[in-house]
Amino acid sequence: MEPIDSPSLENRVTELERRVTELINEARPSTPTPPGARPIDFWALDGLRARVDKGSAGAVVYTGTVDLPTGEHYDWQFGNTVEDLLEADWSDWASTLGALGHPVRLLLLRRVLAGRRTTAELGSDEALGTTGQLYHHLRQLVNAGWLHSSARGQYAVPGERVVPLLVVLSGAKP
């Protein structure tokens, strides 16, 4: 058996330890994990970072795959650059966001997503108020684009609004 060259082996082990530490630090999420919480796998964020132009302010992407109780399925993703969002006139979006600012409208959207689609089905739900109140809330949601009427007295959340609605709700969740 040949003798082991101690200085060379020591240098190689030191270099390996340094590289392992470097790899561990690269793999750590950029956002610290709160004490007691499980580490988060930032697979979507890592993919976004790989696509964002260097020197830009960044981007925001949301995506979802949704199976509704009605059997409908939606796969959806959308993104914006931070520059586009910060330069936009947010006041243009006030009525769209404002339509979600009423508890009865949120309940109404939940009921429609669950499969209650006709005004008769919705009108039988006392939590949605009187017939006049129901029509008022339906009109607000239709005007804001959160609902559409596919036939007289039938309502649905447009497919392109299902994931964005759930994203808004996720963002509002305390």
Protein backbone atom coordinates (compact mmCIF):
# COMPACT_ATOMS: atom_id res chain seq x y z
CA MET A 1 0.00 0.00 0.00
CA GLU A 2 1.32 3.42 -0.98
CA PRO A 3 1.53 6.21 1.59
CA ILE A 4 -1.12 8.95 1.29
CA ASP A 5 0.21 12.40 0.54
CA SER A 6 -1.25 14.23 3.56
CA PRO A 7 -0.89 17.85 2.36
CA SER A 8 -2.48 17.04 -1.00
CA LEU A 9 -5.32 15.07 0.59
CA GLU A 10 -5.88 17.81 3.16
CA ASN A 11 -6.10 20.44 0.40
CA ARG A 12 -8.55 18.33 -1.57
CA VAL A 13 -10.78 17.76 1.47
CA THR A 14 -10.68 21.47 2.32
CA GLU A 15 -11.66 22.34 -1.27
CA LEU A 16 -14.50 19.79 -1.21
CA GLU A 17 -15.83 21.18 2.07
CA ARG A 18 -15.71 24.71 0.65
CA ARG A 19 -17.59 23.65 -2.48
CA VAL A 20 -20.25 21.72 -0.50
CA THR A 21 -20.84 24.80 1.69
CA GLU A 22 -21.12 26.95 -1.44
CA LEU A 23 -23.67 24.56 -2.99
CA ILE A 24 -25.73 24.46 0.21
CA ASN A 25 -25.81 28.27 0.34
CA GLU A 26 -26.89 28.46 -3.33
CA ALA A 27 -29.75 26.02 -2.66
CA ARG A 28 -31.14 27.98 0.27
CA PRO A 29 -34.27 30.06 -0.45
CA SER A 30 -33.72 33.80 -0.68
CA THR A 31 -36.61 34.40 1.71
CA PRO A 32 -35.89 33.17 5.23
CA THR A 33 -38.12 30.40 6.53
CA PRO A 34 -39.96 31.41 9.72
CA PRO A 35 -38.98 29.42 12.82
CA GLY A 36 -40.94 26.18 13.01
CA ALA A 37 -42.08 26.36 9.37
CA ARG A 38 -41.10 23.85 6.73
CA PRO A 39 -38.67 25.14 4.07
CA ILE A 40 -40.40 26.26 0.88
CA ASP A 41 -39.51 24.87 -2.52
CA PHE A 42 -39.35 27.95 -4.75
CA TRP A 43 -39.64 26.03 -8.05
CA ALA A 44 -41.97 28.60 -9.66
CA LEU A 45 -39.91 31.53 -8.40
CA ASP A 46 -36.69 29.92 -9.61
CA GLY A 47 -38.23 29.45 -13.06
CA LEU A 48 -39.38 33.07 -13.12
CA ARG A 49 -35.94 34.33 -12.09
CA ALA A 50 -34.41 32.37 -14.96
CA ARG A 51 -36.72 34.14 -17.44
CA VAL A 52 -36.54 37.71 -16.10
CA ASP A 53 -34.18 40.04 -17.92
CA LYS A 54 -31.12 41.03 -15.91
CA GLY A 55 -31.34 44.64 -14.82
CA SER A 56 -35.15 44.69 -14.80
CA ALA A 57 -37.20 45.37 -11.69
CA GLY A 58 -38.61 41.85 -11.92
CA ALA A 59 -41.89 40.24 -12.80
CA VAL A 60 -45.01 38.86 -11.19
CA VAL A 61 -46.54 35.61 -12.38
CA TYR A 62 -49.55 33.72 -11.16
CA THR A 63 -50.67 30.33 -12.29
CA GLY A 64 -53.12 27.69 -11.27
CA THR A 65 -54.72 24.39 -12.07
CA VAL A 66 -58.28 24.22 -10.77
CA ASP A 67 -60.92 21.49 -10.67
CA LEU A 68 -64.28 22.96 -9.72
CA PRO A 69 -67.06 20.94 -8.03
CA THR A 70 -68.97 21.33 -11.32
CA GLY A 71 -66.38 19.21 -13.15
CA GLU A 72 -64.89 22.17 -14.99
CA HIS A 73 -61.11 22.29 -15.18
CA TYR A 74 -58.90 25.32 -15.75
CA ASP A 75 -55.15 25.60 -16.30
CA TRP A 76 -54.02 29.19 -16.43
CA GLN A 77 -51.00 31.43 -16.07
CA PHE A 78 -50.37 35.10 -16.52
CA GLY A 79 -47.53 37.47 -15.84
CA ASN A 80 -46.56 41.12 -15.88
CA THR A 81 -43.32 42.97 -15.50
CA VAL A 82 -42.96 45.04 -12.37
CA GLU A 83 -42.34 48.10 -14.57
CA ASP A 84 -45.66 47.62 -16.38
CA LEU A 85 -47.55 47.21 -13.12
CA LEU A 86 -45.98 50.21 -11.41
CA GLU A 87 -46.49 52.45 -14.46
CA ALA A 88 -50.15 51.46 -14.99
CA ASP A 89 -53.02 53.62 -13.77
CA TRP A 90 -54.30 51.54 -10.87
CA SER A 91 -57.45 53.64 -10.61
CA ASP A 92 -58.60 51.91 -13.81
CA TRP A 93 -58.85 48.70 -11.80
CA ALA A 94 -60.82 50.15 -8.87
CA SER A 95 -64.25 49.01 -10.06
CA THR A 96 -63.00 45.49 -10.82
CA LEU A 97 -61.43 45.19 -7.37
CA GLY A 98 -64.29 47.08 -5.69
CA ALA A 99 -66.80 44.54 -6.96
CA LEU A 100 -65.08 41.96 -4.75
CA GLY A 101 -65.32 44.23 -1.72
CA HIS A 102 -68.73 43.05 -0.54
CA PRO A 103 -69.26 39.86 1.49
CA VAL A 104 -72.46 38.94 -0.38
CA ARG A 105 -70.67 39.23 -3.74
CA LEU A 106 -67.88 36.99 -2.51
CA LEU A 107 -70.45 34.46 -1.31
CA LEU A 108 -72.26 34.74 -4.62
CA LEU A 109 -69.04 33.97 -6.52
CA ARG A 110 -68.41 31.00 -4.23
CA ARG A 111 -71.92 29.67 -4.90
CA VAL A 112 -71.51 30.06 -8.68
CA LEU A 113 -68.13 28.29 -8.62
CA ALA A 114 -69.76 25.48 -6.62
CA GLY A 115 -72.40 24.99 -9.31
CA ARG A 116 -75.36 27.19 -8.47
CA ARG A 117 -75.76 28.91 -11.80
CA THR A 118 -79.33 30.08 -12.23
CA THR A 119 -81.01 33.06 -10.62
CA ALA A 120 -83.61 30.62 -9.23
CA GLU A 121 -80.92 28.56 -7.47
CA LEU A 122 -79.17 31.67 -6.22
CA GLY A 123 -82.43 33.34 -5.21
CA SER A 124 -83.32 30.41 -2.95
CA ASP A 125 -80.22 31.11 -0.86
CA GLU A 126 -81.31 33.47 1.93
CA ALA A 127 -77.70 34.45 2.61
CA LEU A 128 -77.68 36.26 -0.76
CA GLY A 129 -80.48 38.65 0.26
CA THR A 130 -83.69 39.62 -1.46
CA THR A 131 -84.30 39.21 -5.18
CA GLY A 132 -83.58 42.90 -5.72
CA GLN A 133 -80.34 42.69 -3.75
CA LEU A 134 -79.33 39.55 -5.63
CA TYR A 135 -79.83 41.24 -9.01
CA HIS A 136 -77.88 44.28 -7.81
CA HIS A 137 -74.90 42.12 -6.79
CA LEU A 138 -75.09 40.04 -9.98
CA ARG A 139 -75.05 43.23 -12.07
CA GLN A 140 -72.01 44.54 -10.17
CA LEU A 141 -70.09 41.30 -10.74
CA VAL A 142 -71.07 41.11 -14.43
CA ASN A 143 -70.07 44.75 -15.03
CA ALA A 144 -66.69 44.12 -13.37
CA GLY A 145 -66.10 40.97 -15.43
CA TRP A 146 -66.14 38.51 -12.53
CA LEU A 147 -69.34 36.89 -13.86
CA HIS A 148 -70.92 36.53 -17.24
CA SER A 149 -74.41 35.51 -18.18
CA SER A 150 -74.24 32.57 -20.58
CA ALA A 151 -78.01 32.49 -21.03
CA ARG A 152 -80.89 34.41 -19.56
CA GLY A 153 -80.73 33.84 -15.83
CA GLN A 154 -77.61 31.64 -15.96
CA TYR A 155 -74.29 32.85 -14.59
CA ALA A 156 -70.72 31.59 -14.62
CA VAL A 157 -67.29 32.87 -13.68
CA PRO A 158 -65.46 33.28 -17.00
CA GLY A 159 -62.73 30.68 -17.39
CA GLU A 160 -60.02 33.33 -17.67
CA ARG A 161 -61.18 34.78 -14.31
CA VAL A 162 -61.26 31.59 -12.20
CA VAL A 163 -57.54 31.46 -11.33
CA PRO A 164 -57.19 35.28 -10.98
CA LEU A 165 -60.15 35.30 -8.57
CA LEU A 166 -58.54 32.58 -6.47
CA VAL A 167 -55.21 34.46 -6.58
CA VAL A 168 -56.91 37.64 -5.30
CA LEU A 169 -58.52 35.65 -2.52
CA SER A 170 -55.17 34.01 -1.67
CA GLY A 171 -53.56 37.43 -1.47
CA ALA A 172 -56.33 38.74 0.77
CA LYS A 173 -56.17 35.77 3.14
CA PRO A 174 -54.73 36.89 6.47
